[in-house]
Amino acid sequence: MGPHLGPTGILGRTMSSSPYLDAVRDRVVIFDGAAGTWLQQQDLSMEDYGTPELEGFPEILNETRPELIAQMHREYLEAGADVVETNSFGGMRATLGEYGLGERTEELNEMAARIARGVADEFSTPDRPRFVAGSIGPGTRFASLGHVRYEELRDQVAEQARGLLRGGVDLLLLETQFDLLGIKAGMNGCRDAMAAVGREVPIQTQVTIELTGRMLPGTEIGAALVALDAMRPDVIGLNCATGPEEMSEHIRHLSAHSRIPISVLPNAGLPSVVDGHMHYDLTAEQFVDFHRRFITEFGVNVVGGCCGTTPEYIRQLAEAVAEVEPAPRHPHFEHGVASIYSPVLLEGDDTGGASNLIMIGERTNANGSNKFREAMLAADWDTCVAMAKEQVKEGSHIIDVCVDYVGRDGAADMDEIAQRFATQSSVPLVLDSTEPEVLEAGLRWLGGRAILNSANLEDGDAEGSRADRVFRLAKEYGAAVIVLLIDEEGQARDVEWKMR
């Protein structure tokens, strides 16, 4: 297998260790197929859901028909799946709350996990363990557009994940994710839940890319990889939205550049309506052919199905790839930063050529631009946005944003500016402030990968120092950092001092 599957990952990047990740490094791991498709074939009635108000809401079946959900997991495991997903895709408080079940969030998610755990344990052997993935969907609200605050979404995912962890899942799966900021909130919510429960499991994150070739807000796969790699998931991939054919070029990009394992869980082709029912256009045989190519050409480690796939699809997939090894990958990870739309790479070429020239626009800085400062003081946000767009038009690759001004609430100003620049500026941002609280106010709006300006060692690097606080923010939100060569003695002036 390729060097990317070693215990220390690519370029010395340490990867988590767990039975699930050990399996991913050792062979092709097969996920189950669609829960919704399977449930639709069961001819369920209102009685199955308990009350008319809950009819059609699958998460309540964990309580009203646990034996049915167990049977679904059993059929997928009998078909050859290594991993079953919990029946909890819509298990976040905001979604459950629409059915009056918000207060039961942890309970219902724990139910879902315990059902899947029990069935997976029935099929597990020492030579072939079976795993449970805690399914966490994106919810229905768009963080980047302000439909839900980052903090609220993070805390709702943490609540859901606590139930899944207590129920015994082997990994947490953030799937069908359409918004990078939502994924960041979700990953940090998962980590908060692990700390609260005292269990650490891998995080697998899967974006969904539309027929446009981008995520819903217009995110390229390159921007998604740059932003999400910095958040340190254990597996990254794609699921839903399209069939495998439409995913091919995005998988090719991940194959060439991702330094962690890749998962692909597509629909059974593109959907259409036939005789009043949803229909997907790929047969199981066609579906399997695409997966075989993903494994043998692109080195994909994790495969499975999404909408339209059934146990028969997974049976044929398991049989077809039983003896297939992923192609070795030698990825070249492209270091860089990203807006919610596109990446800006921060390195030279593979031949050791000169690094690329990066121009940072500095006009959206309250300390350097009277026009920007006056617009900010007047809450003229349209002018602030127009100044950012003008710099991009003139060739700036990155925009510097500084709102620091004596007597102002910098965090409040950054909140106003960052939420607009996050979607209305097409290039990445440098968040520029002397106050970590101001930097974090901006980070909570940025789905891409930002730069923090700056950190230094003026007051040392002990816990609680400014450098420590900035680096902690960079780690939590996946940001890059500009570091100034200053220590307790002052600005470094000679080579030896600078190197120290």
Protein backbone atom coordinates (compact mmCIF):
# COMPACT_ATOMS: atom_id res chain seq x y z
CA MET A 1 0.00 0.00 0.00
CA GLY A 2 1.06 3.61 -0.42
CA PRO A 3 3.21 5.46 2.10
CA HIS A 4 0.23 7.64 3.00
CA LEU A 5 -1.13 4.77 5.10
CA GLY A 6 1.78 4.63 7.51
CA PRO A 7 1.23 5.38 11.19
CA THR A 8 2.69 8.86 10.88
CA GLY A 9 0.82 9.85 7.74
CA ILE A 10 2.40 12.12 5.15
CA LEU A 11 5.35 14.44 5.81
CA GLY A 12 5.55 13.46 9.47
CA ARG A 13 1.94 14.43 10.13
CA THR A 14 0.82 12.26 13.07
CA MET A 15 -2.42 10.40 12.48
CA SER A 16 -4.69 9.13 15.22
CA SER A 17 -4.64 5.43 16.03
CA SER A 18 -7.84 3.42 16.44
CA PRO A 19 -9.15 0.04 15.29
CA TYR A 20 -11.12 1.81 12.55
CA LEU A 21 -8.09 3.72 11.24
CA ASP A 22 -5.96 0.59 11.49
CA ALA A 23 -8.46 -1.10 9.17
CA VAL A 24 -8.41 1.86 6.78
CA ARG A 25 -4.63 1.69 6.57
CA ASP A 26 -4.67 -2.06 6.02
CA ARG A 27 -7.37 -2.60 3.37
CA VAL A 28 -10.40 -1.18 1.61
CA VAL A 29 -13.13 -0.44 4.16
CA ILE A 30 -16.74 -0.73 3.02
CA PHE A 31 -19.55 1.41 4.41
CA ASP A 32 -23.21 0.51 4.22
CA GLY A 33 -25.74 1.96 1.77
CA ALA A 34 -28.67 4.32 2.13
CA ALA A 35 -30.88 4.20 5.22
CA GLY A 36 -33.61 6.27 3.58
CA THR A 37 -33.81 4.04 0.52
CA TRP A 38 -34.03 0.91 2.69
CA LEU A 39 -36.73 2.41 4.92
CA GLN A 40 -38.79 3.51 1.91
CA GLN A 41 -38.93 -0.12 0.81
CA GLN A 42 -40.49 -1.22 4.12
CA ASP A 43 -43.96 0.28 3.45
CA LEU A 44 -44.07 1.94 6.85
CA SER A 45 -47.28 3.45 8.19
CA MET A 46 -48.14 6.07 10.77
CA GLU A 47 -48.29 3.37 13.44
CA ASP A 48 -44.59 2.66 12.94
CA TYR A 49 -43.75 6.26 13.86
CA GLY A 50 -46.04 6.41 16.89
CA THR A 51 -48.00 9.57 16.11
CA PRO A 52 -49.17 11.38 12.95
CA GLU A 53 -46.89 14.32 13.80
CA LEU A 54 -43.81 12.10 13.60
CA GLU A 55 -44.75 10.16 10.47
CA GLY A 56 -41.83 10.06 8.06
CA PHE A 57 -39.26 11.16 10.68
CA PRO A 58 -36.73 8.28 10.68
CA GLU A 59 -34.92 9.11 13.93
CA ILE A 60 -37.99 8.29 16.04
CA LEU A 61 -37.86 4.73 14.69
CA ASN A 62 -34.90 4.16 17.02
CA GLU A 63 -37.49 4.23 19.79
CA THR A 64 -40.69 2.97 18.12
CA ARG A 65 -39.18 0.26 15.87
CA PRO A 66 -35.68 -0.55 17.15
CA GLU A 67 -35.91 -4.07 15.74
CA LEU A 68 -36.53 -2.60 12.27
CA ILE A 69 -33.44 -0.38 12.46
CA ALA A 70 -31.44 -3.36 13.73
CA GLN A 71 -32.64 -5.37 10.75
CA MET A 72 -31.44 -2.65 8.38
CA HIS A 73 -27.97 -2.72 9.92
CA ARG A 74 -28.01 -6.53 9.84
CA GLU A 75 -28.82 -6.67 6.13
CA TYR A 76 -25.97 -4.33 5.27
CA LEU A 77 -23.51 -6.28 7.40
CA GLU A 78 -24.69 -9.56 5.86
CA ALA A 79 -24.07 -7.96 2.47
CA GLY A 80 -20.44 -7.39 3.40
CA ALA A 81 -20.26 -3.91 4.93
CA ASP A 82 -17.49 -3.22 7.44
CA VAL A 83 -19.20 -0.10 8.79
CA VAL A 84 -22.82 0.75 9.52
CA GLU A 85 -23.99 4.30 10.11
CA THR A 86 -26.30 5.12 12.99
CA ASN A 87 -29.85 6.16 12.18
CA SER A 88 -29.14 9.70 13.35
CA PHE A 89 -28.48 11.85 10.26
CA GLY A 90 -31.17 14.33 11.37
CA GLY A 91 -30.41 13.96 15.07
CA MET A 92 -29.32 17.51 15.87
CA ARG A 93 -31.40 19.49 18.38
CA ALA A 94 -32.55 22.05 15.77
CA THR A 95 -33.97 19.29 13.56
CA LEU A 96 -35.41 17.24 16.41
CA GLY A 97 -36.91 20.43 17.81
CA GLU A 98 -39.11 20.77 14.73
CA TYR A 99 -40.86 17.60 15.96
CA GLY A 100 -40.93 18.58 19.62
CA LEU A 101 -38.03 16.25 20.44
CA GLY A 102 -35.22 18.74 21.05
CA GLU A 103 -34.89 17.92 24.74
CA ARG A 104 -34.35 14.26 23.90
CA THR A 105 -31.37 14.85 21.60
CA GLU A 106 -28.74 12.94 23.55
CA GLU A 107 -31.16 10.15 24.43
CA LEU A 108 -32.30 9.48 20.86
CA ASN A 109 -28.74 9.58 19.51
CA GLU A 110 -27.57 7.17 22.19
CA MET A 111 -30.45 4.85 21.21
CA ALA A 112 -29.35 4.96 17.57
CA ALA A 113 -25.76 4.17 18.50
CA ARG A 114 -26.67 1.30 20.84
CA ILE A 115 -28.82 -0.39 18.20
CA ALA A 116 -26.02 -0.23 15.63
CA ARG A 117 -23.39 -1.23 18.21
CA GLY A 118 -25.32 -4.34 19.21
CA VAL A 119 -25.70 -5.55 15.63
CA ALA A 120 -22.10 -4.73 14.69
CA ASP A 121 -20.88 -6.72 17.68
CA GLU A 122 -22.90 -9.73 16.47
CA PHE A 123 -20.90 -9.74 13.23
CA SER A 124 -17.47 -8.76 14.56
CA THR A 125 -14.68 -11.32 14.71
CA PRO A 126 -11.06 -10.91 15.79
CA ASP A 127 -10.00 -11.07 12.15
CA ARG A 128 -12.70 -8.73 10.89
CA PRO A 129 -14.13 -6.22 13.33
CA ARG A 130 -17.25 -4.33 12.29
CA PHE A 131 -17.56 -0.65 13.07
CA VAL A 132 -20.25 1.88 13.88
CA ALA A 133 -20.08 5.39 12.43
CA GLY A 134 -22.02 8.05 14.30
CA SER A 135 -23.87 9.84 11.50
CA ILE A 136 -24.11 13.62 11.90
CA GLY A 137 -25.81 15.50 9.09
CA PRO A 138 -25.34 19.21 8.33
CA GLY A 139 -28.64 20.33 9.77
CA THR A 140 -30.87 22.69 7.83
CA ARG A 141 -29.23 26.05 8.59
CA PHE A 142 -26.33 27.70 6.75
CA ALA A 143 -23.64 29.01 9.10
CA SER A 144 -21.76 30.99 6.45
CA LEU A 145 -24.95 32.88 5.59
CA GLY A 146 -25.74 33.64 9.22
CA HIS A 147 -28.72 31.29 9.53
CA VAL A 148 -27.05 29.89 12.66
CA ARG A 149 -24.14 31.20 14.67
CA TYR A 150 -20.95 29.15 14.72
CA GLU A 151 -21.14 28.75 18.49
CA GLU A 152 -24.72 27.45 18.43
CA LEU A 153 -23.99 24.94 15.69
CA ARG A 154 -20.83 23.75 17.45
CA ASP A 155 -22.74 23.21 20.69
CA GLN A 156 -25.61 21.40 18.94
CA VAL A 157 -23.20 18.99 17.26
CA ALA A 158 -21.47 18.46 20.61
CA GLU A 159 -24.81 17.54 22.17
CA GLN A 160 -25.59 15.04 19.41
CA ALA A 161 -22.07 13.60 19.50
CA ARG A 162 -22.22 13.03 23.26
CA GLY A 163 -25.17 10.69 22.76
CA LEU A 164 -23.46 8.85 19.93
CA LEU A 165 -20.25 8.44 21.90
CA ARG A 166 -22.08 7.12 24.95
CA GLY A 167 -23.84 4.66 22.67
CA GLY A 168 -20.51 3.21 21.57
CA VAL A 169 -19.70 4.53 18.07
CA ASP A 170 -16.22 3.87 16.68
CA LEU A 171 -15.98 7.11 14.72
CA LEU A 172 -17.93 10.32 14.21
CA LEU A 173 -19.01 10.98 10.62
CA LEU A 174 -19.81 14.54 9.54
CA GLU A 175 -21.50 13.78 6.23
CA THR A 176 -23.31 15.51 3.38
CA GLN A 177 -21.69 18.76 4.49
CA PHE A 178 -22.43 21.71 2.20
CA ASP A 179 -20.71 24.53 4.16
CA LEU A 180 -17.08 24.69 5.31
CA LEU A 181 -17.95 26.82 8.34
CA GLY A 182 -20.53 24.24 9.34
CA ILE A 183 -17.88 21.52 9.12
CA LYS A 184 -15.50 23.50 11.31
CA ALA A 185 -18.23 24.00 13.90
CA GLY A 186 -19.08 20.31 13.66
CA MET A 187 -15.50 19.11 14.10
CA ASN A 188 -14.97 21.30 17.14
CA GLY A 189 -18.33 20.18 18.51
CA CYS A 190 -17.20 16.57 18.14
CA ARG A 191 -13.97 17.33 19.98
CA ASP A 192 -15.86 19.08 22.77
CA ALA A 193 -18.07 15.98 23.08
CA MET A 194 -15.07 13.65 23.23
CA ALA A 195 -13.59 15.72 26.04
CA ALA A 196 -16.89 15.69 27.94
CA VAL A 197 -17.48 11.94 27.56
CA GLY A 198 -13.86 10.91 27.95
CA ARG A 199 -13.68 8.95 24.67
CA GLU A 200 -11.57 9.85 21.66
CA VAL A 201 -12.57 8.47 18.26
CA PRO A 202 -11.62 9.41 14.68
CA ILE A 203 -13.46 12.13 12.79
CA GLN A 204 -14.37 11.49 9.17
CA THR A 205 -15.71 14.46 7.22
CA GLN A 206 -17.43 14.28 3.84
CA VAL A 207 -18.42 17.24 1.69
CA THR A 208 -21.14 17.18 -0.91
CA ILE A 209 -20.46 18.77 -4.29
CA GLU A 210 -23.28 19.78 -6.59
CA LEU A 211 -23.55 19.33 -10.37
CA THR A 212 -22.01 22.81 -10.66
CA GLY A 213 -18.73 21.20 -9.58
CA ARG A 214 -18.70 23.15 -6.33
CA MET A 215 -20.20 22.98 -2.87
CA LEU A 216 -23.46 24.87 -2.32
CA PRO A 217 -21.91 28.31 -1.64
CA GLY A 218 -19.46 27.89 -4.54
CA THR A 219 -16.54 26.17 -2.79
CA GLU A 220 -13.97 24.41 -4.99
CA ILE A 221 -12.62 21.05 -3.85
CA GLY A 222 -9.15 22.64 -3.57
CA ALA A 223 -10.43 25.24 -1.11
CA ALA A 224 -12.22 22.55 0.87
CA LEU A 225 -9.05 20.47 1.18
CA VAL A 226 -6.85 23.41 2.22
CA ALA A 227 -9.38 24.57 4.83
CA LEU A 228 -10.30 21.16 6.23
CA ASP A 229 -6.84 19.61 6.30
CA ALA A 230 -5.88 22.34 8.76
CA MET A 231 -8.72 21.14 11.03
CA ARG A 232 -7.02 17.71 11.24
CA PRO A 233 -9.72 15.20 10.29
CA ASP A 234 -8.69 11.56 10.09
CA VAL A 235 -10.46 10.78 6.79
CA ILE A 236 -11.79 13.19 4.17
CA GLY A 237 -14.10 12.50 1.27
CA LEU A 238 -17.32 13.04 -0.64
CA ASN A 239 -20.84 11.70 -0.41
CA CYS A 240 -24.34 12.31 -1.75
CA ALA A 241 -25.53 15.01 -4.24
CA THR A 242 -24.35 13.15 -7.37
CA GLY A 243 -23.34 9.77 -8.64
CA PRO A 244 -19.75 8.53 -8.82
CA GLU A 245 -19.17 9.71 -12.38
CA GLU A 246 -19.74 13.34 -11.42
CA MET A 247 -17.38 12.94 -8.45
CA SER A 248 -14.43 11.65 -10.46
CA GLU A 249 -12.46 14.87 -10.94
CA HIS A 250 -12.92 15.90 -7.31
CA ILE A 251 -11.67 12.47 -6.19
CA ARG A 252 -8.74 12.86 -8.57
CA HIS A 253 -7.81 16.12 -6.81
CA LEU A 254 -8.00 14.52 -3.38
CA SER A 255 -5.93 11.59 -4.62
CA ALA A 256 -3.20 13.93 -5.84
CA HIS A 257 -3.15 16.24 -2.83
CA SER A 258 -4.79 14.79 0.30
CA ARG A 259 -2.33 13.56 2.91
CA ILE A 260 -5.01 11.59 4.76
CA PRO A 261 -7.18 8.66 3.60
CA ILE A 262 -10.06 9.33 1.22
CA SER A 263 -13.67 8.14 1.40
CA VAL A 264 -16.21 8.05 -1.44
CA LEU A 265 -19.90 7.31 -0.76
CA PRO A 266 -21.84 8.42 -3.85
CA ASN A 267 -25.50 8.13 -4.77
CA ALA A 268 -26.55 5.41 -7.19
CA GLY A 269 -26.28 7.93 -10.00
CA LEU A 270 -28.35 11.06 -10.56
CA PRO A 271 -31.93 11.11 -9.26
CA SER A 272 -35.09 11.37 -11.35
CA VAL A 273 -38.78 10.79 -10.69
CA VAL A 274 -40.31 7.69 -12.31
CA ASP A 275 -44.00 6.87 -11.74
CA GLY A 276 -44.06 9.24 -8.80
CA HIS A 277 -41.07 7.65 -7.05
CA MET A 278 -37.43 8.70 -6.76
CA HIS A 279 -35.24 6.72 -9.13
CA TYR A 280 -31.45 6.57 -9.45
CA ASP A 281 -29.97 5.72 -12.82
CA LEU A 282 -27.00 3.45 -11.99
CA THR A 283 -27.29 -0.30 -11.63
CA ALA A 284 -25.31 -2.01 -8.91
CA GLU A 285 -22.86 -3.28 -11.53
CA GLN A 286 -22.22 0.25 -12.88
CA PHE A 287 -21.91 1.62 -9.35
CA VAL A 288 -19.30 -1.00 -8.50
CA ASP A 289 -17.29 -0.34 -11.68
CA PHE A 290 -16.77 3.28 -10.64
CA HIS A 291 -15.66 2.26 -7.16
CA ARG A 292 -13.16 -0.24 -8.54
CA ARG A 293 -11.62 2.58 -10.56
CA PHE A 294 -11.52 4.91 -7.55
CA ILE A 295 -9.61 2.27 -5.60
CA THR A 296 -7.21 1.07 -8.30
CA GLU A 297 -6.50 4.45 -9.93
CA PHE A 298 -6.97 7.01 -7.16
CA GLY A 299 -6.00 5.02 -4.06
CA VAL A 300 -9.33 5.48 -2.28
CA ASN A 301 -9.44 3.66 1.07
CA VAL A 302 -13.11 3.93 2.11
CA VAL A 303 -16.08 3.18 -0.17
CA GLY A 304 -19.81 2.79 0.24
CA GLY A 305 -23.15 4.10 -0.89
CA CYS A 306 -25.52 6.98 -0.33
CA CYS A 307 -29.00 7.70 -1.74
CA GLY A 308 -30.47 4.98 -3.93
CA THR A 309 -28.10 2.24 -2.82
CA THR A 310 -29.38 -0.94 -1.15
CA PRO A 311 -27.86 -4.07 0.41
CA GLU A 312 -27.56 -5.52 -3.09
CA TYR A 313 -25.29 -2.65 -4.15
CA ILE A 314 -23.12 -3.21 -1.08
CA ARG A 315 -23.07 -6.99 -1.65
CA GLN A 316 -21.75 -6.55 -5.17
CA LEU A 317 -19.30 -3.89 -4.03
CA ALA A 318 -17.92 -6.08 -1.24
CA GLU A 319 -17.46 -9.02 -3.59
CA ALA A 320 -15.78 -6.91 -6.26
CA VAL A 321 -13.20 -5.25 -4.02
CA ALA A 322 -12.49 -8.08 -1.60
CA GLU A 323 -9.02 -8.69 -3.03
CA VAL A 324 -8.38 -5.23 -4.47
CA GLU A 325 -5.64 -3.04 -2.99
CA PRO A 326 -5.72 0.75 -3.26
CA ALA A 327 -3.22 2.21 -5.68
CA PRO A 328 -0.20 3.71 -3.88
CA ARG A 329 -0.50 7.45 -3.55
CA HIS A 330 2.33 9.98 -3.30
CA PRO A 331 0.31 13.14 -2.67
CA HIS A 332 1.74 16.60 -2.92
CA PHE A 333 -0.15 18.58 -0.31
CA GLU A 334 -0.56 22.19 -1.42
CA HIS A 335 0.03 24.46 1.56
CA GLY A 336 -2.06 27.55 1.44
CA VAL A 337 -5.01 29.55 2.69
CA ALA A 338 -8.52 29.79 1.30
CA SER A 339 -11.63 31.85 1.08
CA ILE A 340 -14.95 30.05 1.13
CA TYR A 341 -14.57 29.84 -2.66
CA SER A 342 -10.95 29.24 -3.73
CA PRO A 343 -7.47 28.52 -2.36
CA VAL A 344 -4.36 30.69 -2.54
CA LEU A 345 -1.25 28.50 -2.42
CA LEU A 346 1.78 29.58 -0.42
CA GLU A 347 4.65 27.62 -1.91
CA GLY A 348 6.84 27.19 -4.95
CA ASP A 349 6.72 24.42 -7.53
CA ASP A 350 7.87 20.81 -7.24
CA THR A 351 11.22 21.57 -8.90
CA GLY A 352 12.28 23.93 -6.12
CA GLY A 353 11.46 27.06 -8.10
CA ALA A 354 10.88 30.43 -6.50
CA SER A 355 7.84 30.85 -4.28
CA ASN A 356 4.85 32.56 -5.78
CA LEU A 357 4.34 36.29 -5.20
CA ILE A 358 1.44 36.97 -2.82
CA MET A 359 0.01 40.49 -2.63
CA ILE A 360 -1.95 41.44 0.48
CA GLY A 361 -4.39 44.35 0.22
CA GLU A 362 -4.05 46.61 3.28
CA ARG A 363 -6.74 49.25 2.71
CA THR A 364 -9.36 47.56 4.90
CA ASN A 365 -7.32 48.51 7.95
CA ALA A 366 -8.65 51.04 10.44
CA ASN A 367 -5.11 52.10 11.34
CA GLY A 368 -3.96 52.64 7.77
CA SER A 369 -7.02 53.88 5.89
CA ASN A 370 -9.06 56.92 6.92
CA LYS A 371 -11.79 55.93 4.48
CA PHE A 372 -12.17 52.46 5.95
CA ARG A 373 -12.03 53.72 9.53
CA GLU A 374 -14.69 56.36 8.89
CA ALA A 375 -16.94 53.83 7.17
CA MET A 376 -16.53 51.42 10.09
CA LEU A 377 -17.24 54.13 12.68
CA ALA A 378 -20.38 55.07 10.75
CA ALA A 379 -21.45 51.40 10.44
CA ASP A 380 -21.36 51.90 6.67
CA TRP A 381 -20.75 48.24 5.99
CA ASP A 382 -21.49 48.51 2.26
CA THR A 383 -18.52 50.85 1.83
CA CYS A 384 -16.31 48.49 3.82
CA VAL A 385 -17.30 45.61 1.55
CA ALA A 386 -16.81 47.71 -1.56
CA MET A 387 -13.26 48.52 -0.45
CA ALA A 388 -12.48 44.83 -0.09
CA LYS A 389 -13.88 44.03 -3.52
CA GLU A 390 -11.92 46.90 -5.08
CA GLN A 391 -8.65 45.49 -3.77
CA VAL A 392 -9.47 42.07 -5.22
CA LYS A 393 -10.29 43.68 -8.56
CA GLU A 394 -6.91 45.41 -8.50
CA GLY A 395 -5.05 42.14 -7.96
CA SER A 396 -4.81 41.48 -4.22
CA HIS A 397 -4.59 37.76 -3.48
CA ILE A 398 -5.41 38.19 0.22
CA ILE A 399 -7.15 40.99 2.16
CA ASP A 400 -5.93 42.34 5.49
CA VAL A 401 -8.71 43.22 7.95
CA CYS A 402 -7.93 45.35 11.00
CA VAL A 403 -10.68 46.98 13.09
CA ASP A 404 -8.57 47.95 16.13
CA TYR A 405 -9.36 51.53 17.16
CA VAL A 406 -9.15 53.18 20.57
CA GLY A 407 -12.46 53.24 22.39
CA ARG A 408 -14.20 50.74 20.10
CA ASP A 409 -15.44 47.22 20.82
CA GLY A 410 -13.10 45.44 18.44
CA ALA A 411 -14.83 42.07 18.74
CA ALA A 412 -18.18 43.62 17.77
CA ASP A 413 -16.65 45.47 14.82
CA MET A 414 -14.84 42.34 13.63
CA ASP A 415 -18.09 40.37 13.92
CA GLU A 416 -19.82 42.84 11.61
CA ILE A 417 -16.98 42.99 9.10
CA ALA A 418 -16.03 39.31 9.00
CA GLN A 419 -19.56 38.04 8.46
CA ARG A 420 -19.76 40.20 5.33
CA PHE A 421 -16.25 39.64 4.03
CA ALA A 422 -16.60 35.86 4.52
CA THR A 423 -18.98 35.56 1.58
CA GLN A 424 -18.60 38.86 -0.28
CA SER A 425 -14.83 38.81 -0.65
CA SER A 426 -13.60 36.11 -3.00
CA VAL A 427 -10.09 35.90 -1.51
CA PRO A 428 -8.76 34.74 1.88
CA LEU A 429 -8.45 37.13 4.82
CA VAL A 430 -5.70 38.15 7.20
CA LEU A 431 -7.31 38.92 10.56
CA ASP A 432 -5.11 41.62 12.02
CA SER A 433 -5.42 42.51 15.71
CA THR A 434 -3.47 42.72 18.93
CA GLU A 435 -6.39 41.12 20.78
CA PRO A 436 -7.07 37.35 20.54
CA GLU A 437 -10.77 38.01 21.30
CA VAL A 438 -11.00 40.11 18.15
CA LEU A 439 -9.28 37.44 16.08
CA GLU A 440 -11.72 34.80 17.32
CA ALA A 441 -14.72 36.98 16.50
CA GLY A 442 -13.55 36.93 12.89
CA LEU A 443 -12.65 33.24 12.82
CA ARG A 444 -16.20 32.33 13.81
CA TRP A 445 -17.38 33.56 10.40
CA LEU A 446 -14.69 32.13 8.13
CA GLY A 447 -15.21 28.73 6.54
CA GLY A 448 -12.02 29.03 4.54
CA ARG A 449 -8.51 29.13 5.98
CA ALA A 450 -7.55 32.55 7.34
CA ILE A 451 -4.22 34.00 8.50
CA LEU A 452 -3.80 35.47 11.97
CA ASN A 453 -1.60 38.55 12.22
CA SER A 454 0.21 38.08 14.44
CA ALA A 455 2.05 36.17 17.15
CA ASN A 456 5.35 36.97 18.80
CA LEU A 457 7.30 36.08 21.93
CA GLU A 458 7.32 39.55 23.45
CA ASP A 459 5.82 38.15 26.67
CA GLY A 460 7.17 34.62 26.21
CA ASP A 461 5.36 31.48 25.18
CA ALA A 462 4.01 30.28 28.52
CA GLU A 463 0.42 29.14 28.84
CA GLY A 464 -1.84 32.16 28.70
CA SER A 465 0.66 34.36 26.89
CA ARG A 466 -0.51 36.14 23.75
CA ALA A 467 1.50 33.76 21.57
CA ASP A 468 -0.08 30.78 23.30
CA ARG A 469 -3.58 32.22 22.84
CA VAL A 470 -3.04 32.98 19.16
CA PHE A 471 -1.60 29.53 18.44
CA ARG A 472 -4.52 27.89 20.25
CA LEU A 473 -6.94 29.83 18.06
CA ALA A 474 -4.98 28.81 14.96
CA LYS A 475 -5.22 25.16 15.94
CA GLU A 476 -8.92 25.29 16.84
CA TYR A 477 -10.01 27.10 13.68
CA GLY A 478 -7.41 25.78 11.26
CA ALA A 479 -5.75 29.14 10.61
CA ALA A 480 -2.24 30.05 9.48
CA VAL A 481 -0.18 32.52 11.52
CA ILE A 482 2.18 35.37 10.77
CA VAL A 483 4.89 35.24 13.43
CA LEU A 484 7.06 38.27 14.14
CA LEU A 485 10.67 37.80 15.28
CA ILE A 486 10.26 39.52 18.62
CA ASP A 487 11.09 38.11 22.04
CA GLU A 488 11.38 39.52 25.56
CA GLU A 489 14.58 41.30 24.52
CA GLY A 490 12.94 43.04 21.56
CA GLN A 491 13.01 42.85 17.74
CA ALA A 492 15.59 40.39 16.43
CA ARG A 493 18.19 42.28 14.40
CA ASP A 494 20.90 39.83 13.35
CA VAL A 495 20.78 36.38 11.76
CA GLU A 496 21.65 34.47 14.93
CA TRP A 497 18.95 36.27 16.93
CA LYS A 498 16.37 35.79 14.20
CA MET A 499 17.12 32.09 13.93
CA ARG A 500 16.89 31.68 17.72
